[in-house]
Every structure is written in C-alpha cells, then in structure tokens.
Amino acid sequence: MLSATASLPTVDHSDLCQHLQQCADARGRLHRLRCTVEVLDAFLAPRFVTMLGAMTLLVLAGLALLT
C-alpha cells in the first residue's frame, strides 16, 4: 500500500512517445501480418480435418456440376 508521502514516478509525454516508437521499430514492419497469421492459425489448426473434408466436398460438388 502506498503511503501518503509516496509519489508516483512522472513520465514525460515525449519520453513515452519515443519509447512506443522504439517498441514499434523493434517489432518490425510485418508485425501486424504476423499477428493476423497467428490468429488464423490458432482458429484453423483445431479444425484442419473438418476444413479438408469441407473443401473436398466442395470440389466434388463443383466437379459434379461441370459434368
């Protein structure tokens, strides 16, 4: 618990902006793309077999319509 005499550190706005820019630079230009791919992978990985089955059925239905 903070005492009444304890003070919280103050952060200069320009220091915070500089820190955030350094973090963005460290992540690289493709950070958002990597995050998106990671989310897609987490969603699709447990459903891989089901997705393959659904794609197979769609291809077979498409082939049946063409013939």
N, C-alpha and C. Protein backbone atom coordinates (compact mmCIF):
# COMPACT_ATOMS: atom_id res chain seq x y z
N MET A 1 0.85 -1.18 0.00
CA MET A 1 0.00 0.00 0.00
C MET A 1 0.89 1.24 0.00
N LEU A 2 0.53 2.21 -0.79
CA LEU A 2 1.30 3.44 -0.87
C LEU A 2 1.00 4.33 0.32
N SER A 3 2.03 4.92 0.83
CA SER A 3 1.80 5.87 1.92
C SER A 3 1.44 7.22 1.34
N ALA A 4 0.99 8.10 2.18
CA ALA A 4 0.57 9.43 1.73
C ALA A 4 1.76 10.23 1.21
N THR A 5 2.95 9.92 1.67
CA THR A 5 4.13 10.68 1.25
C THR A 5 4.79 10.09 0.00
N ALA A 6 4.39 8.88 -0.38
CA ALA A 6 4.99 8.26 -1.57
C ALA A 6 4.46 8.95 -2.82
N SER A 7 5.34 9.15 -3.76
CA SER A 7 4.91 9.78 -5.01
C SER A 7 5.14 8.80 -6.15
N LEU A 8 4.26 8.84 -7.11
CA LEU A 8 4.38 8.00 -8.28
C LEU A 8 5.33 8.67 -9.27
N PRO A 9 6.10 7.88 -10.00
CA PRO A 9 7.02 8.50 -10.96
C PRO A 9 6.24 9.19 -12.07
N THR A 10 6.76 10.29 -12.51
CA THR A 10 6.14 11.02 -13.60
C THR A 10 6.82 10.65 -14.90
N VAL A 11 6.05 10.53 -15.96
CA VAL A 11 6.58 10.17 -17.26
C VAL A 11 6.32 11.33 -18.21
N ASP A 12 7.39 11.78 -18.83
CA ASP A 12 7.28 12.85 -19.81
C ASP A 12 6.61 12.29 -21.07
N HIS A 13 5.71 13.06 -21.65
CA HIS A 13 4.97 12.62 -22.83
C HIS A 13 5.92 12.30 -23.99
N SER A 14 6.92 13.09 -24.18
CA SER A 14 7.85 12.84 -25.29
C SER A 14 8.65 11.57 -25.05
N ASP A 15 9.00 11.28 -23.78
CA ASP A 15 9.70 10.04 -23.47
C ASP A 15 8.81 8.83 -23.77
N LEU A 16 7.54 8.95 -23.44
CA LEU A 16 6.61 7.86 -23.71
C LEU A 16 6.46 7.63 -25.21
N CYS A 17 6.32 8.71 -25.97
CA CYS A 17 6.22 8.59 -27.44
C CYS A 17 7.48 7.96 -28.02
N GLN A 18 8.63 8.35 -27.52
CA GLN A 18 9.89 7.79 -28.00
C GLN A 18 9.96 6.30 -27.68
N HIS A 19 9.55 5.93 -26.48
CA HIS A 19 9.55 4.52 -26.09
C HIS A 19 8.62 3.70 -26.98
N LEU A 20 7.43 4.20 -27.23
CA LEU A 20 6.48 3.49 -28.07
C LEU A 20 6.99 3.35 -29.50
N GLN A 21 7.69 4.36 -29.99
CA GLN A 21 8.27 4.29 -31.33
C GLN A 21 9.37 3.24 -31.37
N GLN A 22 10.17 3.17 -30.32
CA GLN A 22 11.22 2.15 -30.26
C GLN A 22 10.62 0.75 -30.24
N CYS A 23 9.51 0.58 -29.52
CA CYS A 23 8.83 -0.72 -29.48
C CYS A 23 8.31 -1.09 -30.87
N ALA A 24 7.71 -0.13 -31.55
CA ALA A 24 7.18 -0.37 -32.89
C ALA A 24 8.31 -0.72 -33.86
N ASP A 25 9.43 -0.04 -33.75
CA ASP A 25 10.57 -0.33 -34.62
C ASP A 25 11.14 -1.72 -34.34
N ALA A 26 11.14 -2.13 -33.08
CA ALA A 26 11.69 -3.43 -32.71
C ALA A 26 10.82 -4.57 -33.24
N ARG A 27 9.52 -4.34 -33.31
CA ARG A 27 8.61 -5.38 -33.81
C ARG A 27 8.76 -5.58 -35.30
N GLY A 28 9.10 -4.57 -36.01
CA GLY A 28 9.29 -4.69 -37.46
C GLY A 28 8.03 -4.31 -38.22
N ARG A 29 8.19 -4.22 -39.54
CA ARG A 29 7.11 -3.76 -40.40
C ARG A 29 6.01 -4.79 -40.55
N LEU A 30 6.34 -6.05 -40.43
CA LEU A 30 5.36 -7.11 -40.68
C LEU A 30 4.70 -7.63 -39.41
N HIS A 31 4.80 -6.89 -38.33
CA HIS A 31 4.24 -7.34 -37.05
C HIS A 31 2.73 -7.59 -37.15
N ARG A 32 2.00 -6.69 -37.75
CA ARG A 32 0.54 -6.85 -37.85
C ARG A 32 0.20 -8.09 -38.68
N LEU A 33 0.94 -8.32 -39.76
CA LEU A 33 0.71 -9.51 -40.59
C LEU A 33 0.99 -10.78 -39.80
N ARG A 34 2.10 -10.79 -39.04
CA ARG A 34 2.41 -11.97 -38.23
C ARG A 34 1.34 -12.23 -37.20
N CYS A 35 0.81 -11.18 -36.58
CA CYS A 35 -0.26 -11.34 -35.59
C CYS A 35 -1.52 -11.91 -36.24
N THR A 36 -1.85 -11.42 -37.43
CA THR A 36 -3.03 -11.91 -38.14
C THR A 36 -2.88 -13.38 -38.50
N VAL A 37 -1.71 -13.76 -38.99
CA VAL A 37 -1.46 -15.16 -39.34
C VAL A 37 -1.53 -16.03 -38.09
N GLU A 38 -1.02 -15.54 -36.99
CA GLU A 38 -1.06 -16.30 -35.74
C GLU A 38 -2.51 -16.53 -35.28
N VAL A 39 -3.36 -15.51 -35.40
CA VAL A 39 -4.77 -15.65 -35.03
C VAL A 39 -5.46 -16.65 -35.95
N LEU A 40 -5.20 -16.56 -37.26
CA LEU A 40 -5.80 -17.50 -38.21
C LEU A 40 -5.34 -18.93 -37.92
N ASP A 41 -4.07 -19.10 -37.62
CA ASP A 41 -3.55 -20.42 -37.32
C ASP A 41 -4.21 -20.98 -36.05
N ALA A 42 -4.36 -20.16 -35.04
CA ALA A 42 -4.99 -20.62 -33.80
C ALA A 42 -6.45 -21.00 -34.04
N PHE A 43 -7.11 -20.34 -34.99
CA PHE A 43 -8.50 -20.66 -35.29
C PHE A 43 -8.63 -21.90 -36.17
N LEU A 44 -7.77 -22.02 -37.19
CA LEU A 44 -7.91 -23.09 -38.17
C LEU A 44 -7.26 -24.41 -37.76
N ALA A 45 -6.22 -24.38 -36.97
CA ALA A 45 -5.49 -25.60 -36.62
C ALA A 45 -6.39 -26.67 -35.99
N PRO A 46 -7.25 -26.34 -35.03
CA PRO A 46 -8.09 -27.39 -34.45
C PRO A 46 -9.15 -27.90 -35.43
N ARG A 47 -9.41 -27.16 -36.49
CA ARG A 47 -10.46 -27.50 -37.44
C ARG A 47 -9.89 -28.01 -38.77
N PHE A 48 -8.64 -28.43 -38.79
CA PHE A 48 -7.96 -28.76 -40.03
C PHE A 48 -8.64 -29.91 -40.77
N VAL A 49 -8.95 -31.00 -40.08
CA VAL A 49 -9.55 -32.16 -40.73
C VAL A 49 -10.94 -31.82 -41.25
N THR A 50 -11.71 -31.09 -40.47
CA THR A 50 -13.04 -30.68 -40.90
C THR A 50 -12.95 -29.78 -42.13
N MET A 51 -11.97 -28.87 -42.13
CA MET A 51 -11.79 -27.97 -43.26
C MET A 51 -11.42 -28.76 -44.53
N LEU A 52 -10.55 -29.76 -44.39
CA LEU A 52 -10.19 -30.59 -45.54
C LEU A 52 -11.41 -31.34 -46.07
N GLY A 53 -12.22 -31.86 -45.19
CA GLY A 53 -13.43 -32.56 -45.61
C GLY A 53 -14.39 -31.64 -46.33
N ALA A 54 -14.59 -30.45 -45.80
CA ALA A 54 -15.49 -29.49 -46.43
C ALA A 54 -14.96 -29.07 -47.80
N MET A 55 -13.66 -28.85 -47.91
CA MET A 55 -13.08 -28.47 -49.20
C MET A 55 -13.22 -29.60 -50.21
N THR A 56 -13.03 -30.83 -49.76
CA THR A 56 -13.19 -31.99 -50.66
C THR A 56 -14.62 -32.07 -51.17
N LEU A 57 -15.59 -31.89 -50.27
CA LEU A 57 -16.99 -31.92 -50.69
C LEU A 57 -17.31 -30.81 -51.69
N LEU A 58 -16.76 -29.63 -51.48
CA LEU A 58 -17.00 -28.52 -52.40
C LEU A 58 -16.39 -28.81 -53.78
N VAL A 59 -15.19 -29.37 -53.80
CA VAL A 59 -14.55 -29.69 -55.07
C VAL A 59 -15.35 -30.77 -55.80
N LEU A 60 -15.77 -31.80 -55.07
CA LEU A 60 -16.56 -32.85 -55.69
C LEU A 60 -17.90 -32.33 -56.22
N ALA A 61 -18.53 -31.44 -55.46
CA ALA A 61 -19.80 -30.85 -55.93
C ALA A 61 -19.56 -30.01 -57.17
N GLY A 62 -18.46 -29.27 -57.20
CA GLY A 62 -18.13 -28.46 -58.36
C GLY A 62 -17.87 -29.32 -59.58
N LEU A 63 -17.17 -30.43 -59.40
CA LEU A 63 -16.91 -31.34 -60.50
C LEU A 63 -18.20 -32.00 -60.99
N ALA A 64 -19.11 -32.31 -60.07
CA ALA A 64 -20.37 -32.93 -60.46
C ALA A 64 -21.22 -31.95 -61.28
N LEU A 65 -21.14 -30.68 -60.96
CA LEU A 65 -21.89 -29.66 -61.70
C LEU A 65 -21.31 -29.44 -63.09
N LEU A 66 -20.02 -29.61 -63.24
CA LEU A 66 -19.37 -29.39 -64.53
C LEU A 66 -19.58 -30.55 -65.50
N THR A 67 -19.85 -31.72 -64.97
CA THR A 67 -20.00 -32.88 -65.86
C THR A 67 -21.44 -33.16 -66.20
